[in-house]
Amino acid sequence: MNSNRHILKFFFELGQLRKIKREGWRFAAVEQPESVAEHTLRTAQIGYFLALLEKYKDPYEGCTIALFHQIGECRIGDLHKVAQRYIEVNEEKVVHNQLQPLAKMGESLMKVWKQGEYQKTEAGKIARDADLLELAVTAKEYVDRGYEEAMDMIHNTKKRLYTKSARQLLQELERVHSSDWWRNLKKFNDVK
């Protein structure tokens, strides 16, 4: 099989992330949680900003790690923390199997994935904080919609953050409402 076909097959596999829901929110009674793809997009965006706030030399690196941090879930789904207590999954093996057909590109992406998974590099730690901060931001959105149980996700995130910037953003998160961004927009005319 030619390499372009392997790449296209991987693209189709990545599309699975749009179909897989973030299952942990079910414990907070959220009936229609976001997909893993939706979570991943905002995680990558947050990763870019965290890298800038931390004055990291290459903000694209943390963003890229965050963008690919959950590709294994294409094959194993989103296992929430309760399920993880009982099910052992070798996610590194899953990701290795996904990427092996991609030869050199797969090897390169495997290095990216490992940085996020094991957080042994500064960029990996930033990407992990982006993942946690995205979880907290989503939790805040759910809390503001009446899903009070989601508040636990915010509290549990506090002790897991590595970067000073992520800790500061999380602290501020509790003082804002998720709809604050648009409330004043309707009061102002567009600037010409």
Foldseek 3Di string as FASTA:
>chain_A
DDLVVLVVVLVVLQVLQQVFFQPVCVVLVDPGHGGSQVLLQQLLVQQLVLCVVVVPPDSNLLSLLSNCQPSLCSPVGNDDPVNCVPDDDPSLVSLCVSLVSNPPVSVVVSVSNVCLVVVPDPSNLSSVLSSLLSLLLVLLQVVLVPSVVSVVSLVVSQVVHDDPVSNVVSVCSVVDHNCPVCPCVVVDDDDD
